[in-house]
Amino acid sequence: MTGVKAVVSKSFERIHRSNLVGMGIIPLCFKTGEDAETLGLTGQELYTIELPNNVSEIKPGQDVTVVTNNGKSFTCTLRFDTEVKNQDDLLF
């Protein structure tokens, strides 16, 4: 998954989410009632994820803002099940 830094989905199976985290990829879930279709996303967008500057402030289940390169903005939930303790926990 070269170049992939995050995956946005409606949900994740536990093992899939764990594998993503193990590869340093951020698992994000759409908010209830939202998905790619309702947000008008095609899958071709580039995304900026607005995370706290201090990595230790990233918490399991935290909501973050995702902004696309065409100006769309939406909220997703971080699907880490454990706290991020240091920068080495994130490989990007």
PDB file of N, CA and C in Angstrom:
ATOM      1  N   MET A   1       0.840  -1.188   0.000  1.00  0.00           N
ATOM      2  CA  MET A   1       0.000   0.000   0.000  1.00  0.00           C
ATOM      3  C   MET A   1       0.881   1.246   0.000  1.00  0.00           C
ATOM      4  N   THR A   2       1.782   1.285  -0.933  1.00  0.00           N
ATOM      5  CA  THR A   2       2.723   2.385  -1.049  1.00  0.00           C
ATOM      6  C   THR A   2       1.998   3.717  -1.223  1.00  0.00           C
ATOM      7  N   GLY A   3       2.356   4.684  -0.422  1.00  0.00           N
ATOM      8  CA  GLY A   3       1.788   6.021  -0.526  1.00  0.00           C
ATOM      9  C   GLY A   3       0.476   6.214   0.202  1.00  0.00           C
ATOM     10  N   VAL A   4      -0.138   5.147   0.685  1.00  0.00           N
ATOM     11  CA  VAL A   4      -1.409   5.262   1.401  1.00  0.00           C
ATOM     12  C   VAL A   4      -1.117   5.655   2.842  1.00  0.00           C
ATOM     13  N   LYS A   5      -1.767   6.725   3.306  1.00  0.00           N
ATOM     14  CA  LYS A   5      -1.556   7.178   4.674  1.00  0.00           C
ATOM     15  C   LYS A   5      -2.806   7.039   5.528  1.00  0.00           C
ATOM     16  N   ALA A   6      -3.959   6.891   4.864  1.00  0.00           N
ATOM     17  CA  ALA A   6      -5.225   6.737   5.584  1.00  0.00           C
ATOM     18  C   ALA A   6      -6.221   6.006   4.697  1.00  0.00           C
ATOM     19  N   VAL A   7      -7.177   5.346   5.341  1.00  0.00           N
ATOM     20  CA  VAL A   7      -8.287   4.695   4.644  1.00  0.00           C
ATOM     21  C   VAL A   7      -9.566   5.177   5.316  1.00  0.00           C
ATOM     22  N   VAL A   8     -10.522   5.642   4.500  1.00  0.00           N
ATOM     23  CA  VAL A   8     -11.820   6.082   5.006  1.00  0.00           C
ATOM     24  C   VAL A   8     -12.857   5.049   4.583  1.00  0.00           C
ATOM     25  N   SER A   9     -13.645   4.575   5.547  1.00  0.00           N
ATOM     26  CA  SER A   9     -14.629   3.532   5.268  1.00  0.00           C
ATOM     27  C   SER A   9     -15.843   3.714   6.175  1.00  0.00           C
ATOM     28  N   LYS A  10     -16.924   3.005   5.857  1.00  0.00           N
ATOM     29  CA  LYS A  10     -18.092   3.004   6.738  1.00  0.00           C
ATOM     30  C   LYS A  10     -17.784   2.271   8.031  1.00  0.00           C
ATOM     31  N   SER A  11     -17.005   1.189   7.939  1.00  0.00           N
ATOM     32  CA  SER A  11     -16.647   0.390   9.111  1.00  0.00           C
ATOM     33  C   SER A  11     -15.437  -0.471   8.765  1.00  0.00           C
ATOM     34  N   PHE A  12     -14.850  -1.075   9.780  1.00  0.00           N
ATOM     35  CA  PHE A  12     -13.705  -1.962   9.611  1.00  0.00           C
ATOM     36  C   PHE A  12     -13.909  -3.219  10.442  1.00  0.00           C
ATOM     37  N   GLU A  13     -13.550  -4.357   9.903  1.00  0.00           N
ATOM     38  CA  GLU A  13     -13.418  -5.554  10.725  1.00  0.00           C
ATOM     39  C   GLU A  13     -12.203  -5.332  11.625  1.00  0.00           C
ATOM     40  N   ARG A  14     -12.235  -5.888  12.810  1.00  0.00           N
ATOM     41  CA  ARG A  14     -11.154  -5.672  13.773  1.00  0.00           C
ATOM     42  C   ARG A  14      -9.788  -5.994  13.188  1.00  0.00           C
ATOM     43  N   ILE A  15      -9.655  -7.122  12.513  1.00  0.00           N
ATOM     44  CA  ILE A  15      -8.356  -7.537  11.991  1.00  0.00           C
ATOM     45  C   ILE A  15      -7.877  -6.600  10.884  1.00  0.00           C
ATOM     46  N   HIS A  16      -8.796  -6.132  10.056  1.00  0.00           N
ATOM     47  CA  HIS A  16      -8.425  -5.199   8.992  1.00  0.00           C
ATOM     48  C   HIS A  16      -7.927  -3.890   9.588  1.00  0.00           C
ATOM     49  N   ARG A  17      -8.662  -3.374  10.578  1.00  0.00           N
ATOM     50  CA  ARG A  17      -8.257  -2.137  11.243  1.00  0.00           C
ATOM     51  C   ARG A  17      -6.891  -2.310  11.908  1.00  0.00           C
ATOM     52  N   SER A  18      -6.689  -3.428  12.595  1.00  0.00           N
ATOM     53  CA  SER A  18      -5.406  -3.691  13.257  1.00  0.00           C
ATOM     54  C   SER A  18      -4.268  -3.774  12.252  1.00  0.00           C
ATOM     55  N   ASN A  19      -4.518  -4.414  11.111  1.00  0.00           N
ATOM     56  CA  ASN A  19      -3.486  -4.508  10.076  1.00  0.00           C
ATOM     57  C   ASN A  19      -3.134  -3.136   9.520  1.00  0.00           C
ATOM     58  N   LEU A  20      -4.132  -2.290   9.308  1.00  0.00           N
ATOM     59  CA  LEU A  20      -3.855  -0.938   8.821  1.00  0.00           C
ATOM     60  C   LEU A  20      -2.981  -0.180   9.811  1.00  0.00           C
ATOM     61  N   VAL A  21      -3.361  -0.211  11.081  1.00  0.00           N
ATOM     62  CA  VAL A  21      -2.586   0.484  12.112  1.00  0.00           C
ATOM     63  C   VAL A  21      -1.167  -0.068  12.162  1.00  0.00           C
ATOM     64  N   GLY A  22      -1.025  -1.388  12.060  1.00  0.00           N
ATOM     65  CA  GLY A  22       0.295  -2.012  12.070  1.00  0.00           C
ATOM     66  C   GLY A  22       1.174  -1.564  10.916  1.00  0.00           C
ATOM     67  N   MET A  23       0.546  -1.172   9.799  1.00  0.00           N
ATOM     68  CA  MET A  23       1.292  -0.678   8.640  1.00  0.00           C
ATOM     69  C   MET A  23       1.451   0.840   8.670  1.00  0.00           C
ATOM     70  N   GLY A  24       0.979   1.477   9.753  1.00  0.00           N
ATOM     71  CA  GLY A  24       1.107   2.925   9.873  1.00  0.00           C
ATOM     72  C   GLY A  24       0.065   3.692   9.083  1.00  0.00           C
ATOM     73  N   ILE A  25      -1.041   3.035   8.744  1.00  0.00           N
ATOM     74  CA  ILE A  25      -2.113   3.662   7.976  1.00  0.00           C
ATOM     75  C   ILE A  25      -3.258   4.007   8.928  1.00  0.00           C
ATOM     76  N   ILE A  26      -3.744   5.234   8.839  1.00  0.00           N
ATOM     77  CA  ILE A  26      -4.789   5.711   9.737  1.00  0.00           C
ATOM     78  C   ILE A  26      -6.155   5.203   9.280  1.00  0.00           C
ATOM     79  N   PRO A  27      -6.865   4.426  10.115  1.00  0.00           N
ATOM     80  CA  PRO A  27      -8.231   4.012   9.769  1.00  0.00           C
ATOM     81  C   PRO A  27      -9.227   5.089  10.217  1.00  0.00           C
ATOM     82  N   LEU A  28     -10.020   5.572   9.283  1.00  0.00           N
ATOM     83  CA  LEU A  28     -11.028   6.590   9.556  1.00  0.00           C
ATOM     84  C   LEU A  28     -12.398   6.059   9.160  1.00  0.00           C
ATOM     85  N   CYS A  29     -13.405   6.353   9.965  1.00  0.00           N
ATOM     86  CA  CYS A  29     -14.774   5.952   9.634  1.00  0.00           C
ATOM     87  C   CYS A  29     -15.632   7.184   9.383  1.00  0.00           C
ATOM     88  N   PHE A  30     -16.471   7.074   8.343  1.00  0.00           N
ATOM     89  CA  PHE A  30     -17.461   8.109   8.100  1.00  0.00           C
ATOM     90  C   PHE A  30     -18.383   8.190   9.311  1.00  0.00           C
ATOM     91  N   LYS A  31     -18.975   9.347   9.529  1.00  0.00           N
ATOM     92  CA  LYS A  31     -19.967   9.509  10.585  1.00  0.00           C
ATOM     93  C   LYS A  31     -21.248   8.776  10.174  1.00  0.00           C
ATOM     94  N   THR A  32     -22.059   8.402  11.147  1.00  0.00           N
ATOM     95  CA  THR A  32     -23.310   7.692  10.886  1.00  0.00           C
ATOM     96  C   THR A  32     -24.154   8.461   9.871  1.00  0.00           C
ATOM     97  N   GLY A  33     -24.632   7.738   8.870  1.00  0.00           N
ATOM     98  CA  GLY A  33     -25.471   8.342   7.842  1.00  0.00           C
ATOM     99  C   GLY A  33     -24.706   8.933   6.675  1.00  0.00           C
ATOM    100  N   GLU A  34     -23.379   8.941   6.778  1.00  0.00           N
ATOM    101  CA  GLU A  34     -22.556   9.468   5.687  1.00  0.00           C
ATOM    102  C   GLU A  34     -21.750   8.344   5.058  1.00  0.00           C
ATOM    103  N   ASP A  35     -21.461   8.507   3.794  1.00  0.00           N
ATOM    104  CA  ASP A  35     -20.554   7.612   3.083  1.00  0.00           C
ATOM    105  C   ASP A  35     -20.054   8.356   1.851  1.00  0.00           C
ATOM    106  N   ALA A  36     -19.256   7.692   1.038  1.00  0.00           N
ATOM    107  CA  ALA A  36     -18.687   8.345  -0.141  1.00  0.00           C
ATOM    108  C   ALA A  36     -19.788   8.894  -1.045  1.00  0.00           C
ATOM    109  N   GLU A  37     -20.853   8.125  -1.203  1.00  0.00           N
ATOM    110  CA  GLU A  37     -21.937   8.558  -2.092  1.00  0.00           C
ATOM    111  C   GLU A  37     -22.647   9.802  -1.564  1.00  0.00           C
ATOM    112  N   THR A  38     -23.024   9.791  -0.285  1.00  0.00           N
ATOM    113  CA  THR A  38     -23.759  10.941   0.263  1.00  0.00           C
ATOM    114  C   THR A  38     -22.901  12.198   0.291  1.00  0.00           C
ATOM    115  N   LEU A  39     -21.581  12.028   0.386  1.00  0.00           N
ATOM    116  CA  LEU A  39     -20.670  13.176   0.403  1.00  0.00           C
ATOM    117  C   LEU A  39     -20.201  13.567  -0.996  1.00  0.00           C
ATOM    118  N   GLY A  40     -20.611  12.810  -2.005  1.00  0.00           N
ATOM    119  CA  GLY A  40     -20.225  13.127  -3.378  1.00  0.00           C
ATOM    120  C   GLY A  40     -18.762  12.865  -3.675  1.00  0.00           C
ATOM    121  N   LEU A  41     -18.190  11.853  -3.019  1.00  0.00           N
ATOM    122  CA  LEU A  41     -16.782  11.513  -3.222  1.00  0.00           C
ATOM    123  C   LEU A  41     -16.662  10.441  -4.297  1.00  0.00           C
ATOM    124  N   THR A  42     -15.641  10.555  -5.126  1.00  0.00           N
ATOM    125  CA  THR A  42     -15.453   9.603  -6.230  1.00  0.00           C
ATOM    126  C   THR A  42     -14.360   8.584  -5.961  1.00  0.00           C
ATOM    127  N   GLY A  43     -13.507   8.857  -4.978  1.00  0.00           N
ATOM    128  CA  GLY A  43     -12.351   7.998  -4.730  1.00  0.00           C
ATOM    129  C   GLY A  43     -11.105   8.488  -5.440  1.00  0.00           C
ATOM    130  N   GLN A  44     -11.244   9.528  -6.235  1.00  0.00           N
ATOM    131  CA  GLN A  44     -10.107  10.097  -6.961  1.00  0.00           C
ATOM    132  C   GLN A  44      -9.520  11.310  -6.243  1.00  0.00           C
ATOM    133  N   GLU A  45     -10.138  11.728  -5.145  1.00  0.00           N
ATOM    134  CA  GLU A  45      -9.697  12.916  -4.426  1.00  0.00           C
ATOM    135  C   GLU A  45      -8.392  12.670  -3.669  1.00  0.00           C
ATOM    136  N   LEU A  46      -7.693  13.745  -3.408  1.00  0.00           N
ATOM    137  CA  LEU A  46      -6.580  13.744  -2.460  1.00  0.00           C
ATOM    138  C   LEU A  46      -7.120  14.381  -1.186  1.00  0.00           C
ATOM    139  N   TYR A  47      -6.672  13.894  -0.031  1.00  0.00           N
ATOM    140  CA  TYR A  47      -7.225  14.336   1.239  1.00  0.00           C
ATOM    141  C   TYR A  47      -6.161  14.918   2.151  1.00  0.00           C
ATOM    142  N   THR A  48      -6.574  15.907   2.932  1.00  0.00           N
ATOM    143  CA  THR A  48      -5.779  16.417   4.036  1.00  0.00           C
ATOM    144  C   THR A  48      -6.558  16.092   5.302  1.00  0.00           C
ATOM    145  N   ILE A  49      -5.894  15.455   6.248  1.00  0.00           N
ATOM    146  CA  ILE A  49      -6.535  15.101   7.515  1.00  0.00           C
ATOM    147  C   ILE A  49      -5.992  16.041   8.573  1.00  0.00           C
ATOM    148  N   GLU A  50      -6.878  16.762   9.222  1.00  0.00           N
ATOM    149  CA  GLU A  50      -6.472  17.740  10.224  1.00  0.00           C
ATOM    150  C   GLU A  50      -6.323  17.051  11.579  1.00  0.00           C
ATOM    151  N   LEU A  51      -5.081  16.679  11.895  1.00  0.00           N
ATOM    152  CA  LEU A  51      -4.751  16.023  13.162  1.00  0.00           C
ATOM    153  C   LEU A  51      -4.131  17.037  14.111  1.00  0.00           C
ATOM    154  N   PRO A  52      -4.191  16.788  15.415  1.00  0.00           N
ATOM    155  CA  PRO A  52      -3.520  17.677  16.363  1.00  0.00           C
ATOM    156  C   PRO A  52      -2.019  17.747  16.065  1.00  0.00           C
ATOM    157  N   ASN A  53      -1.413  18.904  16.315  1.00  0.00           N
ATOM    158  CA  ASN A  53       0.029  19.062  16.100  1.00  0.00           C
ATOM    159  C   ASN A  53       0.835  18.173  17.030  1.00  0.00           C
ATOM    160  N   ASN A  54       0.364  18.011  18.252  1.00  0.00           N
ATOM    161  CA  ASN A  54       1.042  17.172  19.232  1.00  0.00           C
ATOM    162  C   ASN A  54       0.471  15.756  19.119  1.00  0.00           C
ATOM    163  N   VAL A  55       1.278  14.821  18.668  1.00  0.00           N
ATOM    164  CA  VAL A  55       0.823  13.449  18.432  1.00  0.00           C
ATOM    165  C   VAL A  55       0.197  12.834  19.681  1.00  0.00           C
ATOM    166  N   SER A  56       0.680  13.194  20.859  1.00  0.00           N
ATOM    167  CA  SER A  56       0.135  12.614  22.090  1.00  0.00           C
ATOM    168  C   SER A  56      -1.307  13.058  22.346  1.00  0.00           C
ATOM    169  N   GLU A  57      -1.797  14.053  21.604  1.00  0.00           N
ATOM    170  CA  GLU A  57      -3.179  14.514  21.751  1.00  0.00           C
ATOM    171  C   GLU A  57      -4.154  13.691  20.909  1.00  0.00           C
ATOM    172  N   ILE A  58      -3.641  12.778  20.077  1.00  0.00           N
ATOM    173  CA  ILE A  58      -4.509  11.932  19.264  1.00  0.00           C
ATOM    174  C   ILE A  58      -5.103  10.849  20.164  1.00  0.00           C
ATOM    175  N   LYS A  59      -6.427  10.789  20.223  1.00  0.00           N
ATOM    176  CA  LYS A  59      -7.123   9.862  21.120  1.00  0.00           C
ATOM    177  C   LYS A  59      -8.004   8.894  20.330  1.00  0.00           C
ATOM    178  N   PRO A  60      -8.190   7.680  20.837  1.00  0.00           N
ATOM    179  CA  PRO A  60      -9.101   6.732  20.195  1.00  0.00           C
ATOM    180  C   PRO A  60     -10.506   7.318  20.076  1.00  0.00           C
ATOM    181  N   GLY A  61     -11.131   7.149  18.922  1.00  0.00           N
ATOM    182  CA  GLY A  61     -12.490   7.621  18.723  1.00  0.00           C
ATOM    183  C   GLY A  61     -12.632   9.113  18.499  1.00  0.00           C
ATOM    184  N   GLN A  62     -11.519   9.813  18.391  1.00  0.00           N
ATOM    185  CA  GLN A  62     -11.536  11.260  18.190  1.00  0.00           C
ATOM    186  C   GLN A  62     -12.076  11.599  16.798  1.00  0.00           C
ATOM    187  N   ASP A  63     -12.853  12.661  16.708  1.00  0.00           N
ATOM    188  CA  ASP A  63     -13.307  13.151  15.413  1.00  0.00           C
ATOM    189  C   ASP A  63     -12.249  14.070  14.820  1.00  0.00           C
ATOM    190  N   VAL A  64     -12.038  13.937  13.515  1.00  0.00           N
ATOM    191  CA  VAL A  64     -11.092  14.785  12.793  1.00  0.00           C
ATOM    192  C   VAL A  64     -11.773  15.299  11.528  1.00  0.00           C
ATOM    193  N   THR A  65     -11.282  16.415  11.034  1.00  0.00           N
ATOM    194  CA  THR A  65     -11.800  16.987   9.798  1.00  0.00           C
ATOM    195  C   THR A  65     -10.953  16.509   8.638  1.00  0.00           C
ATOM    196  N   VAL A  66     -11.625  16.101   7.575  1.00  0.00           N
ATOM    197  CA  VAL A  66     -10.964  15.677   6.343  1.00  0.00           C
ATOM    198  C   VAL A  66     -11.368  16.678   5.266  1.00  0.00           C
ATOM    199  N   VAL A  67     -10.373  17.203   4.535  1.00  0.00           N
ATOM    200  CA  VAL A  67     -10.624  18.173   3.475  1.00  0.00           C
ATOM    201  C   VAL A  67     -10.090  17.595   2.173  1.00  0.00           C
ATOM    202  N   THR A  68     -10.903  17.639   1.124  1.00  0.00           N
ATOM    203  CA  THR A  68     -10.472  17.125  -0.179  1.00  0.00           C
ATOM    204  C   THR A  68      -9.801  18.230  -0.980  1.00  0.00           C
ATOM    205  N   ASN A  69      -9.069  17.814  -2.010  1.00  0.00           N
ATOM    206  CA  ASN A  69      -8.390  18.786  -2.863  1.00  0.00           C
ATOM    207  C   ASN A  69      -9.375  19.635  -3.672  1.00  0.00           C
ATOM    208  N   ASN A  70     -10.646  19.244  -3.722  1.00  0.00           N
ATOM    209  CA  ASN A  70     -11.631  20.071  -4.423  1.00  0.00           C
ATOM    210  C   ASN A  70     -12.495  20.879  -3.449  1.00  0.00           C
ATOM    211  N   GLY A  71     -12.042  20.959  -2.189  1.00  0.00           N
ATOM    212  CA  GLY A  71     -12.668  21.849  -1.223  1.00  0.00           C
ATOM    213  C   GLY A  71     -13.767  21.255  -0.364  1.00  0.00           C
ATOM    214  N   LYS A  72     -14.133  20.004  -0.563  1.00  0.00           N
ATOM    215  CA  LYS A  72     -15.145  19.384   0.290  1.00  0.00           C
ATOM    216  C   LYS A  72     -14.527  19.086   1.652  1.00  0.00           C
ATOM    217  N   SER A  73     -15.328  19.238   2.686  1.00  0.00           N
ATOM    218  CA  SER A  73     -14.864  19.008   4.049  1.00  0.00           C
ATOM    219  C   SER A  73     -15.896  18.152   4.768  1.00  0.00           C
ATOM    220  N   PHE A  74     -15.428  17.175   5.537  1.00  0.00           N
ATOM    221  CA  PHE A  74     -16.326  16.325   6.305  1.00  0.00           C
ATOM    222  C   PHE A  74     -15.592  15.811   7.531  1.00  0.00           C
ATOM    223  N   THR A  75     -16.349  15.285   8.480  1.00  0.00           N
ATOM    224  CA  THR A  75     -15.790  14.787   9.731  1.00  0.00           C
ATOM    225  C   THR A  75     -15.776  13.266   9.719  1.00  0.00           C
ATOM    226  N   CYS A  76     -14.674  12.701  10.186  1.00  0.00           N
ATOM    227  CA  CYS A  76     -14.529  11.251  10.343  1.00  0.00           C
ATOM    228  C   CYS A  76     -14.071  10.957  11.764  1.00  0.00           C
ATOM    229  N   THR A  77     -14.210   9.708  12.153  1.00  0.00           N
ATOM    230  CA  THR A  77     -13.764   9.259  13.469  1.00  0.00           C
ATOM    231  C   THR A  77     -12.501   8.431  13.321  1.00  0.00           C
ATOM    232  N   LEU A  78     -11.473   8.763  14.127  1.00  0.00           N
ATOM    233  CA  LEU A  78     -10.243   7.967  14.148  1.00  0.00           C
ATOM    234  C   LEU A  78     -10.550   6.620  14.771  1.00  0.00           C
ATOM    235  N   ARG A  79     -10.171   5.550  14.113  1.00  0.00           N
ATOM    236  CA  ARG A  79     -10.453   4.216  14.629  1.00  0.00           C
ATOM    237  C   ARG A  79      -9.216   3.548  15.218  1.00  0.00           C
ATOM    238  N   PHE A  80      -8.433   4.319  15.979  1.00  0.00           N
ATOM    239  CA  PHE A  80      -7.383   3.721  16.794  1.00  0.00           C
ATOM    240  C   PHE A  80      -8.071   3.198  18.043  1.00  0.00           C
ATOM    241  N   ASP A  81      -7.703   2.030  18.504  1.00  0.00           N
ATOM    242  CA  ASP A  81      -8.291   1.526  19.737  1.00  0.00           C
ATOM    243  C   ASP A  81      -7.382   1.728  20.935  1.00  0.00           C
ATOM    244  N   THR A  82      -6.175   2.193  20.685  1.00  0.00           N
ATOM    245  CA  THR A  82      -5.248   2.522  21.764  1.00  0.00           C
ATOM    246  C   THR A  82      -4.697   3.911  21.500  1.00  0.00           C
ATOM    247  N   GLU A  83      -4.256   4.571  22.545  1.00  0.00           N
ATOM    248  CA  GLU A  83      -3.720   5.915  22.390  1.00  0.00           C
ATOM    249  C   GLU A  83      -2.400   5.889  21.639  1.00  0.00           C
ATOM    250  N   VAL A  84      -2.156   6.953  20.884  1.00  0.00           N
ATOM    251  CA  VAL A  84      -0.877   7.128  20.202  1.00  0.00           C
ATOM    252  C   VAL A  84       0.053   7.773  21.213  1.00  0.00           C
ATOM    253  N   LYS A  85       1.149   7.086  21.525  1.00  0.00           N
ATOM    254  CA  LYS A  85       2.043   7.572  22.571  1.00  0.00           C
ATOM    255  C   LYS A  85       3.170   8.445  22.034  1.00  0.00           C
ATOM    256  N   ASN A  86       3.612   8.169  20.808  1.00  0.00           N
ATOM    257  CA  ASN A  86       4.695   8.971  20.245  1.00  0.00           C
ATOM    258  C   ASN A  86       4.650   8.930  18.725  1.00  0.00           C
ATOM    259  N   GLN A  87       5.466   9.760  18.110  1.00  0.00           N
ATOM    260  CA  GLN A  87       5.488   9.888  16.651  1.00  0.00           C
ATOM    261  C   GLN A  87       5.796   8.558  15.970  1.00  0.00           C
ATOM    262  N   ASP A  88       6.570   7.682  16.619  1.00  0.00           N
ATOM    263  CA  ASP A  88       6.934   6.400  16.015  1.00  0.00           C
ATOM    264  C   ASP A  88       5.729   5.476  15.832  1.00  0.00           C
ATOM    265  N   ASP A  89       4.636   5.740  16.568  1.00  0.00           N
ATOM    266  CA  ASP A  89       3.425   4.940  16.394  1.00  0.00           C
ATOM    267  C   ASP A  89       2.753   5.227  15.055  1.00  0.00           C
ATOM    268  N   LEU A  90       3.061   6.390  14.483  1.00  0.00           N
ATOM    269  CA  LEU A  90       2.546   6.770  13.168  1.00  0.00           C
ATOM    270  C   LEU A  90       3.727   6.813  12.217  1.00  0.00           C
ATOM    271  N   LEU A  91       3.623   6.147  11.106  1.00  0.00           N
ATOM    272  CA  LEU A  91       4.765   6.024  10.204  1.00  0.00           C
ATOM    273  C   LEU A  91       4.809   7.083   9.119  1.00  0.00           C
ATOM    274  N   PHE A  92       3.917   8.051   9.126  1.00  0.00           N
ATOM    275  CA  PHE A  92       3.923   9.044   8.051  1.00  0.00           C
ATOM    276  C   PHE A  92       4.651  10.287   8.439  1.00  0.00           C
TER     277      PHE A  92
END
